[in-house]
Amino acid sequence: MLNNIQKKSLKERFLLVLGILFFLIYLVLGLMIMFWEKLPLNMEPKYRYAFGGLLIVYSGIRFLRLINSKE
């Protein structure tokens, strides 16, 4: 994988780093919404868990797309 990263152009490496960054942002945001009780969201707990779970699933989809992009 490291050899594959070194072969990419500067633009492709930048987009890879950006993709990893947004994967982590969505994952952490989903976990924060689910488990941080003092987060000022006026939502019922079941909706908080559903929204947090949706963000975690979306981050997983982004991660899989990032892994499978072999251009």
C-alpha atoms as a PDB file:
ATOM      1  CA  MET A   1       0.000   0.000   0.000  1.00  0.00           C
ATOM      2  CA  LEU A   2       2.844   2.399   0.803  1.00  0.00           C
ATOM      3  CA  ASN A   3       4.351   1.780  -2.623  1.00  0.00           C
ATOM      4  CA  ASN A   4       0.959   2.520  -4.193  1.00  0.00           C
ATOM      5  CA  ILE A   5       0.740   5.855  -2.328  1.00  0.00           C
ATOM      6  CA  GLN A   6       4.212   6.890  -3.504  1.00  0.00           C
ATOM      7  CA  LYS A   7       3.238   6.305  -7.143  1.00  0.00           C
ATOM      8  CA  LYS A   8       0.307   8.720  -6.948  1.00  0.00           C
ATOM      9  CA  SER A   9       0.552  12.292  -8.109  1.00  0.00           C
ATOM     10  CA  LEU A  10       0.424  15.189  -5.691  1.00  0.00           C
ATOM     11  CA  LYS A  11      -3.255  15.784  -6.469  1.00  0.00           C
ATOM     12  CA  GLU A  12      -4.145  12.127  -5.859  1.00  0.00           C
ATOM     13  CA  ARG A  13      -2.238  12.078  -2.565  1.00  0.00           C
ATOM     14  CA  PHE A  14      -3.994  15.264  -1.454  1.00  0.00           C
ATOM     15  CA  LEU A  15      -7.377  13.736  -2.272  1.00  0.00           C
ATOM     16  CA  LEU A  16      -6.404  10.579  -0.376  1.00  0.00           C
ATOM     17  CA  VAL A  17      -5.518  12.595   2.723  1.00  0.00           C
ATOM     18  CA  LEU A  18      -8.730  14.594   2.363  1.00  0.00           C
ATOM     19  CA  GLY A  19     -10.739  11.374   2.065  1.00  0.00           C
ATOM     20  CA  ILE A  20      -9.149   9.949   5.216  1.00  0.00           C
ATOM     21  CA  LEU A  21      -9.776  13.229   7.047  1.00  0.00           C
ATOM     22  CA  PHE A  22     -13.472  13.285   6.182  1.00  0.00           C
ATOM     23  CA  PHE A  23     -13.828   9.591   7.055  1.00  0.00           C
ATOM     24  CA  LEU A  24     -12.496  10.394  10.521  1.00  0.00           C
ATOM     25  CA  ILE A  25     -14.674  13.506  10.834  1.00  0.00           C
ATOM     26  CA  TYR A  26     -17.878  11.594  10.059  1.00  0.00           C
ATOM     27  CA  LEU A  27     -16.885   8.727  12.356  1.00  0.00           C
ATOM     28  CA  VAL A  28     -16.075  10.992  15.310  1.00  0.00           C
ATOM     29  CA  LEU A  29     -19.171  13.128  14.721  1.00  0.00           C
ATOM     30  CA  GLY A  30     -21.381  10.039  14.724  1.00  0.00           C
ATOM     31  CA  LEU A  31     -19.817   8.791  17.946  1.00  0.00           C
ATOM     32  CA  MET A  32     -20.146  12.230  19.547  1.00  0.00           C
ATOM     33  CA  ILE A  33     -23.829  12.468  18.680  1.00  0.00           C
ATOM     34  CA  MET A  34     -24.477   8.992  20.035  1.00  0.00           C
ATOM     35  CA  PHE A  35     -22.518   9.057  23.278  1.00  0.00           C
ATOM     36  CA  TRP A  36     -21.813  12.653  24.348  1.00  0.00           C
ATOM     37  CA  GLU A  37     -24.775  13.441  26.577  1.00  0.00           C
ATOM     38  CA  LYS A  38     -23.922  17.132  27.067  1.00  0.00           C
ATOM     39  CA  LEU A  39     -23.941  17.856  23.345  1.00  0.00           C
ATOM     40  CA  PRO A  40     -26.644  20.530  22.913  1.00  0.00           C
ATOM     41  CA  LEU A  41     -29.003  18.657  20.599  1.00  0.00           C
ATOM     42  CA  ASN A  42     -32.695  18.686  21.396  1.00  0.00           C
ATOM     43  CA  MET A  43     -33.343  15.157  20.147  1.00  0.00           C
ATOM     44  CA  GLU A  44     -34.790  12.087  21.764  1.00  0.00           C
ATOM     45  CA  PRO A  45     -32.167   9.421  22.508  1.00  0.00           C
ATOM     46  CA  LYS A  46     -33.512   7.006  19.887  1.00  0.00           C
ATOM     47  CA  TYR A  47     -33.133   9.683  17.198  1.00  0.00           C
ATOM     48  CA  ARG A  48     -29.643  10.563  18.439  1.00  0.00           C
ATOM     49  CA  TYR A  49     -28.599   6.918  18.155  1.00  0.00           C
ATOM     50  CA  ALA A  50     -30.207   6.602  14.729  1.00  0.00           C
ATOM     51  CA  PHE A  51     -28.528   9.766  13.410  1.00  0.00           C
ATOM     52  CA  GLY A  52     -25.167   8.819  14.932  1.00  0.00           C
ATOM     53  CA  GLY A  53     -25.447   5.328  13.472  1.00  0.00           C
ATOM     54  CA  LEU A  54     -26.284   6.777  10.073  1.00  0.00           C
ATOM     55  CA  LEU A  55     -23.158   8.950  10.175  1.00  0.00           C
ATOM     56  CA  ILE A  56     -21.031   5.952  11.184  1.00  0.00           C
ATOM     57  CA  VAL A  57     -22.446   3.862   8.327  1.00  0.00           C
ATOM     58  CA  TYR A  58     -21.792   6.745   5.913  1.00  0.00           C
ATOM     59  CA  SER A  59     -18.205   7.015   7.142  1.00  0.00           C
ATOM     60  CA  GLY A  60     -17.810   3.278   6.535  1.00  0.00           C
ATOM     61  CA  ILE A  61     -19.093   3.679   2.979  1.00  0.00           C
ATOM     62  CA  ARG A  62     -16.639   6.530   2.382  1.00  0.00           C
ATOM     63  CA  PHE A  63     -13.819   4.383   3.773  1.00  0.00           C
ATOM     64  CA  LEU A  64     -14.709   1.460   1.506  1.00  0.00           C
ATOM     65  CA  ARG A  65     -14.815   3.767  -1.525  1.00  0.00           C
ATOM     66  CA  LEU A  66     -11.430   5.168  -0.501  1.00  0.00           C
ATOM     67  CA  ILE A  67      -9.908   1.698  -0.169  1.00  0.00           C
ATOM     68  CA  ASN A  68     -11.384   0.434  -3.454  1.00  0.00           C
ATOM     69  CA  SER A  69     -10.254   3.400  -5.560  1.00  0.00           C
ATOM     70  CA  LYS A  70      -7.294   1.923  -7.433  1.00  0.00           C
ATOM     71  CA  GLU A  71      -6.718   4.581 -10.021  1.00  0.00           C
END
